[in-house]
Amino acid sequence: MVIEAKPVGVYIHIPFCKNKCIYCDFYSVNNSDEHLLNDYCQAVICEIRAASEQLHNILVTTIFFGGGTPSLLNSRNIKGILDTIKDSFPVLPTAEITVEANPATIDAPKMDQYLEAGVNRFSVGAQSFSDQELSVLGRIHKADDILRIVELFHKKKIKNFNLDLIYGIPGQSIKRWEANLTKAIDCIPAHISAYLLQLGSETVMARMAAQNIIELCDENTEAEMYERTIDLLSGCGFRHYELSNFSRPEFKCQHNLIYWRGENYLGFGAGAVSYIDNRRFINQPDLVDYIKNLTSGKKQAVEELENMTMKEQVSDTIILGLRLCEGININELNQRYSINIEKEYGKAIDNNIQKGLLNYKNGQLFLTRRGYFLSNEVLCHFIA
């Protein structure tokens, strides 16, 4: 009997920054010491090897270096981690391998070395093409740095790159946001992610807003910015495939699709989250303990976030799936979980259809355009 391998995405968390942005609530530290980065990457390699002894019959389909600032790593560390993954697990020959990059921390030689190591996709934290807005966000790069890295991509014939943008920045006008979008389009990326500035309560920027040091954009302005985003990008050949993500044909982010489709993924590194067989767990976000434990042969401290019941699995699949513009296929979900979705969630579905926030067509349940910006008002009805 042949048991089919389980497809899995791999996420590598690199929690280092030259200067942590004041809006960011991901686990990271202000430290770019090369010796510390080397020690950390050795710990990641130890964790991958240990996991390979416990996990069998999986197929790695995507690898994603996120952060923090993964582009602080030298090519030896990137190659060492990638080689360890390939030595430890079967990896799809066409696997998407992404590195997030800050424009101020990558140059032509490093880019060449990353490509040689196996990287085939870059995600650039552009955020804005306005130096004033970049300063407000606490970014270490300038607009010219973005243009420089984009020029390198085109010179090296790298098509598969993403530009991250943020809208709703304090002081940002709709006109200035449109200018950012236009400049991003002019860069001819394969993918654009446009995220609303949403602040965790513990971030520096959230505290500044609470103290009236800065004034956040109002909701109507944010909604108008989002509408303009859809119109501008859709009109320039980008497909709106997830609430905040737009791609050229054939260039959807395969790694992030794993999250939105509720599929399995392994997270390595301090603060990295994994989701395997309906169990979601996180490595303790403590850099010092992480390095100490893994390099001394001990197990990394892990906190279980969820060990989901069937009802919670269904809820999770619906909430994540509705982030995709194509939505969810009701029949597929019914078969997957032996459930009647329309019976279990009929009232919530009908109410949101009546409000014009959901649509149901040809077996697909999906958010309407009006429902995109108000998605939280819809998704809360499906929480288990």
Protein backbone atom coordinates (compact mmCIF):
# COMPACT_ATOMS: atom_id res chain seq x y z
CA MET A 1 0.00 0.00 0.00
CA VAL A 2 1.43 3.38 -1.06
CA ILE A 3 0.74 6.23 1.35
CA GLU A 4 0.59 9.57 -0.39
CA ALA A 5 3.02 12.18 0.97
CA LYS A 6 1.46 15.09 2.83
CA PRO A 7 2.22 18.48 1.19
CA VAL A 8 3.71 20.95 3.69
CA GLY A 9 4.94 24.52 3.51
CA VAL A 10 8.03 25.48 5.51
CA TYR A 11 8.40 28.86 7.20
CA ILE A 12 11.75 30.05 8.60
CA HIS A 13 11.51 32.95 11.06
CA ILE A 14 14.49 35.31 11.12
CA PRO A 15 13.80 37.62 14.09
CA PHE A 16 16.53 40.21 13.51
CA CYS A 17 16.28 43.84 12.44
CA LYS A 18 18.71 46.71 12.17
CA ASN A 19 15.95 48.85 13.62
CA LYS A 20 12.52 47.49 14.52
CA CYS A 21 9.72 49.43 12.81
CA ILE A 22 7.41 51.23 15.22
CA TYR A 23 4.25 49.64 13.76
CA CYS A 24 5.50 46.02 13.82
CA ASP A 25 4.27 43.47 16.36
CA PHE A 26 6.05 40.40 14.95
CA TYR A 27 8.66 38.88 17.23
CA SER A 28 12.02 40.46 16.37
CA VAL A 29 14.99 42.11 18.06
CA ASN A 30 17.20 45.06 17.16
CA ASN A 31 20.38 43.14 16.49
CA SER A 32 22.29 42.40 13.30
CA ASP A 33 25.48 41.01 14.82
CA GLU A 34 26.89 38.49 12.35
CA HIS A 35 28.06 36.05 15.03
CA LEU A 36 24.60 36.00 16.62
CA LEU A 37 22.96 35.49 13.22
CA ASN A 38 25.33 32.59 12.52
CA ASP A 39 24.56 30.98 15.89
CA TYR A 40 20.84 31.39 15.30
CA CYS A 41 20.98 29.79 11.85
CA GLN A 42 22.87 26.82 13.30
CA ALA A 43 20.07 26.45 15.85
CA VAL A 44 17.49 26.53 13.02
CA ILE A 45 19.44 23.79 11.24
CA CYS A 46 19.41 21.72 14.45
CA GLU A 47 15.64 22.17 14.76
CA ILE A 48 15.05 21.09 11.15
CA ARG A 49 17.15 17.95 11.63
CA ALA A 50 15.34 17.09 14.85
CA ALA A 51 11.94 17.55 13.15
CA SER A 52 12.95 15.21 10.32
CA GLU A 53 13.36 12.42 12.85
CA GLN A 54 9.78 12.90 14.05
CA LEU A 55 7.97 13.74 10.81
CA HIS A 56 7.74 11.29 7.95
CA ASN A 57 5.99 11.03 4.61
CA ILE A 58 5.76 14.75 3.94
CA LEU A 59 6.58 16.72 0.80
CA VAL A 60 7.84 20.30 1.12
CA THR A 61 6.10 22.42 -1.52
CA THR A 62 7.13 25.95 -0.45
CA ILE A 63 9.84 27.55 1.71
CA PHE A 64 9.48 31.07 3.05
CA PHE A 65 12.10 33.11 4.96
CA GLY A 66 10.18 35.75 6.93
CA GLY A 67 11.00 38.13 9.73
CA GLY A 68 12.28 40.38 10.97
CA THR A 69 14.70 40.99 8.14
CA PRO A 70 15.82 37.75 6.48
CA SER A 71 17.94 39.67 3.98
CA LEU A 72 20.36 40.38 6.84
CA LEU A 73 21.53 36.78 6.44
CA ASN A 74 24.59 36.05 4.37
CA SER A 75 24.27 33.54 1.56
CA ARG A 76 26.08 30.82 3.54
CA ASN A 77 23.30 30.84 6.11
CA ILE A 78 20.54 30.83 3.48
CA LYS A 79 22.24 27.98 1.64
CA GLY A 80 22.91 26.06 4.86
CA ILE A 81 19.25 26.17 5.87
CA LEU A 82 17.99 25.31 2.38
CA ASP A 83 20.45 22.42 2.04
CA THR A 84 19.38 21.09 5.44
CA ILE A 85 15.70 21.18 4.45
CA LYS A 86 16.49 19.33 1.21
CA ASP A 87 18.62 16.76 3.08
CA SER A 88 15.93 16.26 5.72
CA PHE A 89 12.72 16.13 3.66
CA PRO A 90 11.64 15.51 0.10
CA VAL A 91 11.27 18.90 -1.59
CA LEU A 92 9.16 19.50 -4.69
CA PRO A 93 11.54 20.29 -7.59
CA THR A 94 9.42 23.33 -8.46
CA ALA A 95 9.07 24.52 -4.85
CA GLU A 96 8.54 28.26 -4.43
CA ILE A 97 11.41 29.57 -2.24
CA THR A 98 10.87 33.14 -1.00
CA VAL A 99 13.06 35.54 0.95
CA GLU A 100 11.65 38.73 2.44
CA ALA A 101 14.03 41.61 1.79
CA ASN A 102 14.44 45.11 3.15
CA PRO A 103 15.69 47.30 0.26
CA ALA A 104 18.49 48.69 2.44
CA THR A 105 19.98 45.26 3.21
CA ILE A 106 20.48 43.60 -0.16
CA ASP A 107 22.79 44.33 -3.08
CA ALA A 108 23.71 42.69 -6.39
CA PRO A 109 26.29 40.20 -5.02
CA LYS A 110 23.98 39.05 -2.23
CA MET A 111 21.09 38.69 -4.68
CA ASP A 112 23.24 36.53 -6.96
CA GLN A 113 24.29 34.38 -4.02
CA TYR A 114 20.68 33.92 -2.87
CA LEU A 115 19.68 32.85 -6.38
CA GLU A 116 22.57 30.40 -6.52
CA ALA A 117 21.45 28.97 -3.14
CA GLY A 118 18.01 28.23 -4.61
CA VAL A 119 15.88 31.30 -3.86
CA ASN A 120 13.42 31.93 -6.71
CA ARG A 121 11.12 34.60 -5.27
CA PHE A 122 11.71 37.87 -3.41
CA SER A 123 9.22 39.79 -1.29
CA VAL A 124 10.35 43.39 -0.85
CA GLY A 125 9.19 45.43 2.13
CA ALA A 126 8.76 48.62 0.13
CA GLN A 127 5.79 49.95 2.21
CA SER A 128 5.87 53.40 0.55
CA PHE A 129 7.63 55.36 -2.19
CA SER A 130 7.51 58.50 -0.05
CA ASP A 131 10.56 59.17 2.14
CA GLN A 132 8.35 61.15 4.51
CA GLU A 133 5.98 58.21 4.96
CA LEU A 134 8.89 55.79 5.35
CA SER A 135 10.19 58.03 8.14
CA VAL A 136 6.79 57.99 9.86
CA LEU A 137 6.86 54.18 9.77
CA GLY A 138 10.41 54.04 11.13
CA ARG A 139 11.80 52.26 8.06
CA ILE A 140 15.57 52.23 7.52
CA HIS A 141 15.38 52.47 3.72
CA LYS A 142 14.57 55.26 1.30
CA ALA A 143 12.44 55.27 -1.85
CA ASP A 144 15.59 55.22 -3.98
CA ASP A 145 16.59 51.92 -2.34
CA ILE A 146 13.37 50.34 -3.63
CA LEU A 147 14.03 51.56 -7.16
CA ARG A 148 17.61 50.27 -6.95
CA ILE A 149 16.55 46.75 -5.95
CA VAL A 150 13.80 46.70 -8.60
CA GLU A 151 16.35 47.73 -11.24
CA LEU A 152 18.50 44.79 -10.14
CA PHE A 153 15.56 42.40 -10.49
CA HIS A 154 14.96 43.48 -14.06
CA LYS A 155 18.66 43.50 -14.91
CA LYS A 156 18.92 39.91 -13.67
CA LYS A 157 15.61 38.96 -15.34
CA ILE A 158 13.96 38.08 -12.02
CA LYS A 159 10.23 38.22 -12.67
CA ASN A 160 8.86 36.67 -9.49
CA PHE A 161 9.05 39.48 -6.96
CA ASN A 162 6.48 41.05 -4.67
CA LEU A 163 6.23 44.59 -3.35
CA ASP A 164 4.63 45.09 0.08
CA LEU A 165 2.80 48.39 0.50
CA ILE A 166 1.01 49.92 3.50
CA TYR A 167 -1.95 52.28 3.33
CA GLY A 168 -3.57 54.27 6.13
CA ILE A 169 -0.22 55.73 7.24
CA PRO A 170 -0.67 58.78 9.53
CA GLY A 171 -0.84 61.88 7.36
CA GLN A 172 -1.32 59.90 4.15
CA SER A 173 -3.81 61.32 1.66
CA ILE A 174 -5.74 59.29 -0.90
CA LYS A 175 -3.80 61.09 -3.64
CA ARG A 176 -0.46 60.12 -2.11
CA TRP A 177 -1.59 56.50 -1.73
CA GLU A 178 -2.55 56.45 -5.41
CA ALA A 179 0.92 57.79 -6.23
CA ASN A 180 2.47 54.89 -4.27
CA LEU A 181 0.35 52.38 -6.17
CA THR A 182 1.26 53.95 -9.52
CA LYS A 183 4.97 53.80 -8.73
CA ALA A 184 4.62 50.18 -7.62
CA ILE A 185 2.85 49.29 -10.87
CA ASP A 186 5.61 51.05 -12.84
CA CYS A 187 8.12 48.67 -11.18
CA ILE A 188 6.42 45.77 -13.05
CA PRO A 189 6.32 43.33 -10.13
CA ALA A 190 4.64 39.94 -10.41
CA HIS A 191 2.78 40.52 -7.14
CA ILE A 192 1.67 43.40 -4.93
CA SER A 193 0.49 43.11 -1.32
CA ALA A 194 -1.40 46.14 -0.03
CA TYR A 195 -1.96 46.06 3.72
CA LEU A 196 -3.99 48.41 5.88
CA LEU A 197 -1.93 49.76 8.78
CA GLN A 198 -3.33 47.89 11.77
CA LEU A 199 -1.57 48.36 15.08
CA GLY A 200 -1.10 45.87 17.87
CA SER A 201 -1.70 47.50 21.25
CA GLU A 202 1.93 47.01 22.34
CA THR A 203 3.52 48.68 19.31
CA VAL A 204 5.27 52.03 19.64
CA MET A 205 2.98 53.58 17.03
CA ALA A 206 -0.15 52.45 18.89
CA ARG A 207 1.10 54.16 22.03
CA MET A 208 1.89 57.30 20.03
CA ALA A 209 -1.66 57.31 18.65
CA ALA A 210 -3.13 56.80 22.14
CA GLN A 211 -1.14 59.82 23.35
CA ASN A 212 -2.31 61.90 20.34
CA ILE A 213 1.28 62.28 19.12
CA ILE A 214 0.12 61.02 15.72
CA GLU A 215 -3.33 60.88 14.15
CA LEU A 216 -4.41 57.74 12.32
CA CYS A 217 -6.49 57.86 9.14
CA ASP A 218 -10.24 57.64 9.60
CA GLU A 219 -12.14 54.56 8.45
CA ASN A 220 -13.81 56.28 5.49
CA THR A 221 -10.43 57.37 4.12
CA GLU A 222 -9.05 53.85 4.60
CA ALA A 223 -12.06 52.35 2.81
CA GLU A 224 -11.61 54.76 -0.12
CA MET A 225 -7.91 53.87 -0.32
CA TYR A 226 -8.83 50.19 -0.48
CA GLU A 227 -11.39 50.79 -3.24
CA ARG A 228 -8.81 52.73 -5.26
CA THR A 229 -6.34 49.88 -4.76
CA ILE A 230 -8.71 47.33 -6.27
CA ASP A 231 -9.58 49.60 -9.20
CA LEU A 232 -6.01 50.63 -10.03
CA LEU A 233 -4.40 47.20 -9.75
CA SER A 234 -7.24 45.34 -11.48
CA GLY A 235 -7.09 47.86 -14.29
CA CYS A 236 -3.38 47.15 -14.78
CA GLY A 237 -3.55 43.39 -15.16
CA PHE A 238 -3.31 42.30 -11.53
CA ARG A 239 -5.75 39.68 -10.28
CA HIS A 240 -7.26 40.37 -6.86
CA TYR A 241 -7.07 36.87 -5.39
CA GLU A 242 -6.98 37.53 -1.62
CA LEU A 243 -8.20 40.45 0.48
CA SER A 244 -4.82 42.20 0.48
CA ASN A 245 -3.04 40.46 -2.39
CA PHE A 246 -2.86 41.00 -6.14
CA SER A 247 -0.83 39.08 -8.69
CA ARG A 248 -0.07 38.72 -12.36
CA PRO A 249 -1.42 35.49 -13.85
CA GLU A 250 0.48 32.44 -12.53
CA PHE A 251 2.23 34.43 -9.79
CA LYS A 252 0.02 33.96 -6.72
CA CYS A 253 2.06 33.44 -3.56
CA GLN A 254 1.94 29.66 -3.21
CA HIS A 255 3.20 29.72 0.37
CA ASN A 256 0.50 32.07 1.64
CA LEU A 257 -2.14 30.04 -0.19
CA ILE A 258 -1.22 27.19 2.16
CA TYR A 259 -2.32 29.32 5.12
CA TRP A 260 -5.54 30.50 3.51
CA ARG A 261 -6.51 27.00 2.41
CA GLY A 262 -5.99 25.60 5.90
CA GLU A 263 -3.19 23.26 4.80
CA ASN A 264 -0.21 22.02 6.83
CA TYR A 265 2.92 24.07 7.45
CA LEU A 266 6.05 23.77 9.59
CA GLY A 267 7.59 26.80 11.29
CA PHE A 268 11.24 26.84 12.32
CA GLY A 269 12.91 29.50 14.44
CA ALA A 270 12.10 31.46 17.59
CA GLY A 271 8.45 32.55 17.52
CA ALA A 272 7.60 30.46 14.44
CA VAL A 273 4.15 28.86 14.26
CA SER A 274 3.38 25.38 12.88
CA TYR A 275 0.10 23.77 11.89
CA ILE A 276 0.15 19.99 11.53
CA ASP A 277 -2.84 17.64 11.66
CA ASN A 278 -5.20 20.25 13.13
CA ARG A 279 -2.74 21.19 15.89
CA ARG A 280 -1.34 24.71 15.92
CA PHE A 281 1.72 25.41 18.07
CA ILE A 282 4.42 28.05 18.45
CA ASN A 283 8.11 28.01 19.34
CA GLN A 284 8.62 30.18 22.40
CA PRO A 285 9.72 33.63 21.19
CA ASP A 286 12.93 33.76 23.18
CA LEU A 287 16.02 34.10 21.04
CA VAL A 288 18.60 33.26 23.72
CA ASP A 289 16.78 30.14 24.94
CA TYR A 290 16.15 29.03 21.38
CA ILE A 291 19.85 29.07 20.46
CA LYS A 292 20.89 27.55 23.81
CA ASN A 293 18.37 24.70 23.67
CA LEU A 294 18.82 23.67 20.03
CA THR A 295 22.61 23.86 19.89
CA SER A 296 22.94 21.83 23.12
CA GLY A 297 20.72 19.02 21.86
CA LYS A 298 17.67 19.95 23.93
CA LYS A 299 14.14 20.33 22.61
CA GLN A 300 12.85 23.78 21.83
CA ALA A 301 10.13 25.00 24.22
CA VAL A 302 6.80 24.84 22.40
CA GLU A 303 3.41 26.25 23.38
CA GLU A 304 0.29 24.63 22.00
CA LEU A 305 -2.07 27.26 20.63
CA GLU A 306 -4.86 24.99 19.42
CA ASN A 307 -5.67 21.31 19.19
CA MET A 308 -8.82 21.82 17.22
CA THR A 309 -12.07 19.96 17.48
CA MET A 310 -13.95 19.18 14.28
CA LYS A 311 -16.15 22.25 14.75
CA GLU A 312 -13.09 24.45 15.23
CA GLN A 313 -11.50 22.97 12.11
CA VAL A 314 -14.59 23.84 10.08
CA SER A 315 -14.68 27.35 11.51
CA ASP A 316 -10.98 27.88 10.80
CA THR A 317 -11.32 26.64 7.22
CA ILE A 318 -14.28 28.96 6.54
CA ILE A 319 -12.64 32.03 8.08
CA LEU A 320 -9.35 31.53 6.24
CA GLY A 321 -11.01 30.45 2.99
CA LEU A 322 -13.24 33.51 2.83
CA ARG A 323 -10.12 35.67 2.69
CA LEU A 324 -9.66 34.32 -0.82
CA CYS A 325 -11.68 36.17 -3.43
CA GLU A 326 -12.82 32.85 -4.91
CA GLY A 327 -14.17 31.94 -1.46
CA ILE A 328 -14.97 28.39 -0.41
CA ASN A 329 -16.66 25.50 -2.15
CA ILE A 330 -19.54 24.39 0.06
CA ASN A 331 -19.75 20.86 -1.36
CA GLU A 332 -16.03 20.27 -0.88
CA LEU A 333 -16.25 21.42 2.74
CA ASN A 334 -19.28 19.25 3.38
CA GLN A 335 -17.40 16.21 2.09
CA ARG A 336 -14.14 17.08 3.82
CA TYR A 337 -15.76 17.38 7.26
CA SER A 338 -18.93 15.27 6.83
CA ILE A 339 -21.01 18.30 7.72
CA ASN A 340 -23.84 20.37 6.27
CA ILE A 341 -22.40 23.89 6.16
CA GLU A 342 -25.68 25.45 5.04
CA LYS A 343 -27.46 23.89 7.98
CA GLU A 344 -24.78 24.71 10.56
CA TYR A 345 -24.18 28.29 9.42
CA GLY A 346 -27.31 29.01 7.41
CA LYS A 347 -28.43 31.97 9.50
CA ALA A 348 -25.03 33.69 9.37
CA ILE A 349 -24.76 33.06 5.63
CA ASP A 350 -28.28 34.34 4.88
CA ASN A 351 -27.87 37.46 7.04
CA ASN A 352 -24.64 38.45 5.36
CA ILE A 353 -26.06 37.76 1.89
CA GLN A 354 -28.96 40.08 2.74
CA LYS A 355 -26.51 42.74 3.91
CA GLY A 356 -24.69 42.47 0.58
CA LEU A 357 -21.48 41.24 2.21
CA LEU A 358 -21.57 37.61 1.02
CA ASN A 359 -22.57 35.95 -2.24
CA TYR A 360 -23.34 32.34 -3.09
CA LYS A 361 -23.00 31.22 -6.70
CA ASN A 362 -22.31 27.88 -8.40
CA GLY A 363 -21.51 26.23 -5.10
CA GLN A 364 -19.00 28.93 -4.06
CA LEU A 365 -19.51 31.13 -1.01
CA PHE A 366 -17.48 34.34 -1.26
CA LEU A 367 -17.26 37.91 -0.03
CA THR A 368 -18.73 40.62 -2.23
CA ARG A 369 -16.60 43.61 -3.09
CA ARG A 370 -18.44 45.55 -0.37
CA GLY A 371 -17.67 42.71 2.00
CA TYR A 372 -13.90 42.85 1.40
CA PHE A 373 -13.24 45.91 3.55
CA LEU A 374 -15.86 44.82 6.09
CA SER A 375 -14.60 41.23 6.19
CA ASN A 376 -14.17 41.21 9.99
CA GLU A 377 -17.91 41.90 10.35
CA VAL A 378 -18.58 38.77 8.30
CA LEU A 379 -15.91 36.40 9.58
CA CYS A 380 -16.80 36.90 13.24
CA HIS A 381 -20.07 35.02 12.58
CA PHE A 382 -18.14 31.84 11.81
CA ILE A 383 -16.00 31.68 14.94
CA ALA A 384 -16.47 28.32 16.68
